[in-house]
Amino acid sequence: MTIMNILVMTMTTVCNKVNNLLRVVFFLLTHHIFQPIAVETLGPINESARAFLDDLGRRISVLSVDDRAFVFISTHLCCHSAF
């Protein structure tokens, strides 16, 4: 196998993967509404705020009929400092 054949095969694979990714992104953008939320705190999240976010995750999970929604929310919440 020549280097040219390897390059062609690699580029074909990359193009196929990009094409699949674009299909997934298009599907998500046309079938879901993405709404960012912000939670501002002056420090660590206290127990009641954590309970609120857990409840929000469970409610989204029930409405979306996707058990992974709760796990996604609880693992992807990140806190950014305003300063």
N, C-alpha and C. Protein backbone atom coordinates (compact mmCIF):
# COMPACT_ATOMS: atom_id res chain seq x y z
N MET A 1 0.85 -1.18 0.00
CA MET A 1 0.00 0.00 0.00
C MET A 1 0.90 1.24 0.00
N THR A 2 0.61 2.17 -0.88
CA THR A 2 1.43 3.37 -0.98
C THR A 2 0.96 4.41 0.02
N ILE A 3 1.79 5.39 0.24
CA ILE A 3 1.46 6.49 1.15
C ILE A 3 0.23 7.24 0.64
N MET A 4 0.09 7.33 -0.68
CA MET A 4 -1.06 8.03 -1.26
C MET A 4 -2.36 7.28 -0.94
N ASN A 5 -2.33 5.95 -1.03
CA ASN A 5 -3.51 5.16 -0.69
C ASN A 5 -3.88 5.33 0.79
N ILE A 6 -2.88 5.34 1.62
CA ILE A 6 -3.12 5.53 3.06
C ILE A 6 -3.72 6.90 3.32
N LEU A 7 -3.20 7.92 2.66
CA LEU A 7 -3.74 9.28 2.83
C LEU A 7 -5.18 9.36 2.34
N VAL A 8 -5.48 8.75 1.22
CA VAL A 8 -6.83 8.78 0.67
C VAL A 8 -7.79 8.06 1.62
N MET A 9 -7.38 6.91 2.14
CA MET A 9 -8.22 6.17 3.08
C MET A 9 -8.45 6.97 4.36
N THR A 10 -7.41 7.62 4.85
CA THR A 10 -7.52 8.42 6.07
C THR A 10 -8.45 9.60 5.86
N MET A 11 -8.28 10.29 4.73
CA MET A 11 -9.13 11.45 4.45
C MET A 11 -10.59 11.02 4.25
N THR A 12 -10.80 9.88 3.63
CA THR A 12 -12.17 9.38 3.45
C THR A 12 -12.80 9.09 4.80
N THR A 13 -12.04 8.48 5.69
CA THR A 13 -12.54 8.18 7.04
C THR A 13 -12.86 9.46 7.78
N VAL A 14 -11.98 10.43 7.70
CA VAL A 14 -12.20 11.72 8.38
C VAL A 14 -13.45 12.40 7.82
N CYS A 15 -13.59 12.42 6.52
CA CYS A 15 -14.77 13.05 5.90
C CYS A 15 -16.05 12.35 6.32
N ASN A 16 -16.04 11.04 6.39
CA ASN A 16 -17.22 10.30 6.84
C ASN A 16 -17.57 10.62 8.28
N LYS A 17 -16.56 10.72 9.13
CA LYS A 17 -16.81 11.04 10.54
C LYS A 17 -17.37 12.46 10.69
N VAL A 18 -16.81 13.41 9.94
CA VAL A 18 -17.31 14.78 9.97
C VAL A 18 -18.75 14.83 9.46
N ASN A 19 -19.03 14.11 8.40
CA ASN A 19 -20.38 14.08 7.85
C ASN A 19 -21.36 13.51 8.87
N ASN A 20 -20.99 12.44 9.57
CA ASN A 20 -21.85 11.88 10.61
C ASN A 20 -22.06 12.86 11.75
N LEU A 21 -21.00 13.55 12.15
CA LEU A 21 -21.11 14.54 13.21
C LEU A 21 -22.05 15.67 12.81
N LEU A 22 -21.95 16.14 11.59
CA LEU A 22 -22.83 17.21 11.11
C LEU A 22 -24.29 16.76 11.09
N ARG A 23 -24.53 15.50 10.74
CA ARG A 23 -25.90 14.98 10.78
C ARG A 23 -26.45 14.98 12.20
N VAL A 24 -25.62 14.58 13.16
CA VAL A 24 -26.05 14.56 14.56
C VAL A 24 -26.34 15.98 15.04
N VAL A 25 -25.44 16.91 14.74
CA VAL A 25 -25.64 18.30 15.16
C VAL A 25 -26.91 18.87 14.53
N PHE A 26 -27.12 18.62 13.25
CA PHE A 26 -28.32 19.11 12.58
C PHE A 26 -29.58 18.54 13.24
N PHE A 27 -29.56 17.24 13.53
CA PHE A 27 -30.71 16.61 14.20
C PHE A 27 -30.97 17.26 15.55
N LEU A 28 -29.91 17.45 16.33
CA LEU A 28 -30.09 18.06 17.65
C LEU A 28 -30.64 19.48 17.56
N LEU A 29 -30.11 20.25 16.63
CA LEU A 29 -30.56 21.64 16.50
C LEU A 29 -31.99 21.75 15.97
N THR A 30 -32.44 20.77 15.21
CA THR A 30 -33.80 20.84 14.66
C THR A 30 -34.84 20.14 15.54
N HIS A 31 -34.40 19.35 16.52
CA HIS A 31 -35.34 18.61 17.35
C HIS A 31 -35.28 18.97 18.84
N HIS A 32 -34.37 19.84 19.23
CA HIS A 32 -34.23 20.21 20.64
C HIS A 32 -34.10 21.72 20.75
N ILE A 33 -34.48 22.22 21.90
CA ILE A 33 -34.28 23.64 22.20
C ILE A 33 -33.21 23.70 23.29
N PHE A 34 -32.12 24.37 22.99
CA PHE A 34 -31.05 24.51 23.96
C PHE A 34 -31.18 25.87 24.64
N GLN A 35 -31.31 25.83 25.94
CA GLN A 35 -31.48 27.05 26.71
C GLN A 35 -30.46 27.07 27.85
N PRO A 36 -29.44 27.89 27.72
CA PRO A 36 -28.47 27.96 28.81
C PRO A 36 -29.07 28.63 30.04
N ILE A 37 -28.64 28.20 31.19
CA ILE A 37 -29.06 28.85 32.43
C ILE A 37 -27.81 29.26 33.19
N ALA A 38 -27.95 30.23 34.03
CA ALA A 38 -26.84 30.67 34.87
C ALA A 38 -27.29 30.66 36.32
N VAL A 39 -26.43 30.15 37.16
CA VAL A 39 -26.68 30.16 38.60
C VAL A 39 -25.50 30.89 39.22
N GLU A 40 -25.78 32.02 39.83
CA GLU A 40 -24.71 32.82 40.40
C GLU A 40 -24.68 32.63 41.91
N THR A 41 -23.51 32.37 42.43
CA THR A 41 -23.35 32.22 43.87
C THR A 41 -22.17 33.06 44.32
N LEU A 42 -22.09 33.26 45.62
CA LEU A 42 -20.94 33.97 46.19
C LEU A 42 -19.95 32.99 46.79
N GLY A 43 -20.16 31.73 46.53
CA GLY A 43 -19.27 30.70 47.08
C GLY A 43 -19.78 29.33 46.69
N PRO A 44 -19.45 28.34 47.48
CA PRO A 44 -19.92 26.98 47.17
C PRO A 44 -21.44 26.90 47.19
N ILE A 45 -21.98 25.97 46.43
CA ILE A 45 -23.42 25.76 46.40
C ILE A 45 -23.85 25.08 47.69
N ASN A 46 -24.83 25.67 48.38
CA ASN A 46 -25.27 25.08 49.65
C ASN A 46 -26.24 23.93 49.39
N GLU A 47 -26.67 23.28 50.47
CA GLU A 47 -27.50 22.09 50.36
C GLU A 47 -28.84 22.35 49.68
N SER A 48 -29.48 23.49 49.97
CA SER A 48 -30.78 23.77 49.36
C SER A 48 -30.64 24.07 47.87
N ALA A 49 -29.57 24.73 47.47
CA ALA A 49 -29.33 24.99 46.04
C ALA A 49 -29.05 23.69 45.31
N ARG A 50 -28.28 22.82 45.96
CA ARG A 50 -27.98 21.52 45.35
C ARG A 50 -29.26 20.69 45.20
N ALA A 51 -30.14 20.74 46.22
CA ALA A 51 -31.41 20.03 46.15
C ALA A 51 -32.27 20.57 45.02
N PHE A 52 -32.26 21.92 44.85
CA PHE A 52 -33.02 22.53 43.75
C PHE A 52 -32.51 22.04 42.40
N LEU A 53 -31.20 22.03 42.22
CA LEU A 53 -30.62 21.59 40.95
C LEU A 53 -30.86 20.09 40.72
N ASP A 54 -30.81 19.30 41.78
CA ASP A 54 -31.13 17.88 41.65
C ASP A 54 -32.58 17.69 41.23
N ASP A 55 -33.49 18.46 41.84
CA ASP A 55 -34.90 18.37 41.49
C ASP A 55 -35.12 18.80 40.03
N LEU A 56 -34.45 19.86 39.63
CA LEU A 56 -34.53 20.32 38.24
C LEU A 56 -34.07 19.23 37.29
N GLY A 57 -32.98 18.58 37.61
CA GLY A 57 -32.47 17.49 36.78
C GLY A 57 -33.45 16.34 36.68
N ARG A 58 -34.08 15.98 37.80
CA ARG A 58 -35.06 14.90 37.78
C ARG A 58 -36.28 15.27 36.93
N ARG A 59 -36.74 16.51 37.07
CA ARG A 59 -37.90 16.95 36.28
C ARG A 59 -37.60 16.96 34.79
N ILE A 60 -36.43 17.42 34.42
CA ILE A 60 -36.04 17.42 33.01
C ILE A 60 -35.94 15.99 32.50
N SER A 61 -35.42 15.11 33.34
CA SER A 61 -35.31 13.70 32.97
C SER A 61 -36.67 13.09 32.70
N VAL A 62 -37.66 13.42 33.54
CA VAL A 62 -39.01 12.89 33.36
C VAL A 62 -39.64 13.45 32.08
N LEU A 63 -39.49 14.75 31.86
CA LEU A 63 -40.09 15.38 30.68
C LEU A 63 -39.42 14.93 29.39
N SER A 64 -38.13 14.71 29.44
CA SER A 64 -37.42 14.33 28.22
C SER A 64 -37.46 12.82 27.98
N VAL A 65 -37.96 12.08 28.93
CA VAL A 65 -38.01 10.62 28.87
C VAL A 65 -36.60 10.06 28.62
N ASP A 66 -35.63 10.68 29.23
CA ASP A 66 -34.24 10.24 29.08
C ASP A 66 -33.62 10.18 30.46
N ASP A 67 -33.35 8.99 30.94
CA ASP A 67 -32.78 8.83 32.27
C ASP A 67 -31.40 9.46 32.40
N ARG A 68 -30.73 9.66 31.29
CA ARG A 68 -29.38 10.23 31.35
C ARG A 68 -29.39 11.73 31.58
N ALA A 69 -30.54 12.39 31.43
CA ALA A 69 -30.60 13.85 31.59
C ALA A 69 -30.18 14.27 32.98
N PHE A 70 -30.63 13.54 33.99
CA PHE A 70 -30.28 13.88 35.38
C PHE A 70 -28.77 13.76 35.58
N VAL A 71 -28.19 12.67 35.10
CA VAL A 71 -26.75 12.46 35.25
C VAL A 71 -25.99 13.54 34.48
N PHE A 72 -26.47 13.88 33.28
CA PHE A 72 -25.80 14.90 32.48
C PHE A 72 -25.79 16.24 33.21
N ILE A 73 -26.93 16.63 33.76
CA ILE A 73 -27.01 17.91 34.45
C ILE A 73 -26.10 17.92 35.67
N SER A 74 -26.15 16.86 36.45
CA SER A 74 -25.36 16.86 37.68
C SER A 74 -23.86 16.79 37.42
N THR A 75 -23.44 16.21 36.29
CA THR A 75 -22.02 16.13 36.01
C THR A 75 -21.50 17.28 35.16
N HIS A 76 -22.38 18.02 34.48
CA HIS A 76 -21.93 19.09 33.60
C HIS A 76 -22.16 20.49 34.14
N LEU A 77 -22.71 20.59 35.34
CA LEU A 77 -22.81 21.91 35.93
C LEU A 77 -21.41 22.37 36.31
N CYS A 78 -21.08 23.55 35.91
CA CYS A 78 -19.78 24.06 36.31
C CYS A 78 -19.98 25.48 36.85
N CYS A 79 -19.19 25.80 37.80
CA CYS A 79 -19.31 27.13 38.42
C CYS A 79 -18.16 27.99 37.95
N HIS A 80 -18.47 29.17 37.47
CA HIS A 80 -17.45 30.10 37.02
C HIS A 80 -17.48 31.33 37.92
N SER A 81 -16.33 31.81 38.25
CA SER A 81 -16.23 33.00 39.07
C SER A 81 -16.55 34.23 38.23
N ALA A 82 -17.29 35.16 38.80
CA ALA A 82 -17.62 36.39 38.08
C ALA A 82 -16.46 37.37 38.08
N PHE A 83 -15.42 37.06 38.81
CA PHE A 83 -14.29 37.99 38.93
C PHE A 83 -13.10 37.52 38.17
